[in-house]
Amino acid sequence: MSENDEPGTRRTTAFWLGLSCLISVLYVVSVGPVCWCHHRTGYDPRVEAALEVFYLPLI
C-alpha cells in the first residue's frame, strides 16, 4: 500500500461513519413526526402494526 492511498481511505471511512451516524440520529428523531402524523390521520391497524415493527428497537 502506498502513502497516497491512505488519505482516500480515511476520507471514505469518515464519510461512511458520518453517514451511519446521521441515519441513526434521523431514525430516532423521526419518531415524533411519525407519531404526530399517524395520530392526525387516524388509526389504521395495519399502519400501526407496521410502525410498531419499524420502531421496535426504540421501545
Protein backbone atom coordinates (compact mmCIF):
# COMPACT_ATOMS: atom_id res chain seq x y z
CA MET A 1 0.00 0.00 0.00
CA SER A 2 1.43 3.36 -0.93
CA GLU A 3 1.22 6.54 1.13
CA ASN A 4 -1.15 8.10 -1.42
CA ASP A 5 -3.88 5.53 -0.74
CA GLU A 6 -4.13 6.31 2.96
CA PRO A 7 -5.87 9.75 2.84
CA GLY A 8 -8.53 8.44 0.46
CA THR A 9 -9.21 5.53 2.76
CA ARG A 10 -9.55 7.85 5.73
CA ARG A 11 -11.91 10.10 3.79
CA THR A 12 -14.07 7.15 2.73
CA THR A 13 -14.16 5.76 6.26
CA ALA A 14 -15.10 9.18 7.67
CA PHE A 15 -17.84 9.53 5.07
CA TRP A 16 -19.45 6.17 5.89
CA LEU A 17 -19.09 6.72 9.62
CA GLY A 18 -20.70 10.15 9.34
CA LEU A 19 -23.48 8.82 7.14
CA SER A 20 -24.29 6.00 9.56
CA CYS A 21 -24.39 8.45 12.48
CA LEU A 22 -26.67 10.79 10.54
CA ILE A 23 -29.05 7.96 9.62
CA SER A 24 -29.14 6.80 13.25
CA VAL A 25 -29.99 10.29 14.50
CA LEU A 26 -32.66 10.77 11.83
CA TYR A 27 -34.22 7.41 12.76
CA VAL A 28 -34.56 8.40 16.41
CA VAL A 29 -35.74 11.94 15.66
CA SER A 30 -38.35 10.72 13.17
CA VAL A 31 -40.45 9.09 15.88
CA GLY A 32 -42.13 12.35 16.86
CA PRO A 33 -43.30 13.45 13.40
CA VAL A 34 -44.43 9.92 12.51
CA CYS A 35 -46.49 9.61 15.70
CA TRP A 36 -47.98 13.07 15.14
CA CYS A 37 -48.91 12.28 11.53
CA HIS A 38 -50.35 8.89 12.48
CA HIS A 39 -52.43 10.49 15.24
CA ARG A 40 -53.73 13.25 12.94
CA THR A 41 -54.69 10.93 10.05
CA GLY A 42 -56.45 8.31 12.13
CA TYR A 43 -55.61 4.89 13.44
CA ASP A 44 -55.32 2.22 10.79
CA PRO A 45 -54.42 -1.13 12.41
CA ARG A 46 -52.18 -2.12 9.50
CA VAL A 47 -50.19 1.11 9.66
CA GLU A 48 -49.98 0.92 13.42
CA ALA A 49 -48.61 -2.64 13.26
CA ALA A 50 -46.02 -1.62 10.66
CA LEU A 51 -44.89 1.35 12.76
CA GLU A 52 -44.58 -0.84 15.84
CA VAL A 53 -42.33 -3.25 13.95
CA PHE A 54 -40.22 -0.46 12.42
CA TYR A 55 -39.73 1.42 15.68
CA LEU A 56 -39.50 -1.68 17.92
CA PRO A 57 -35.79 -1.11 18.71
CA LEU A 58 -36.71 2.24 20.29
CA ILE A 59 -39.48 0.89 22.51
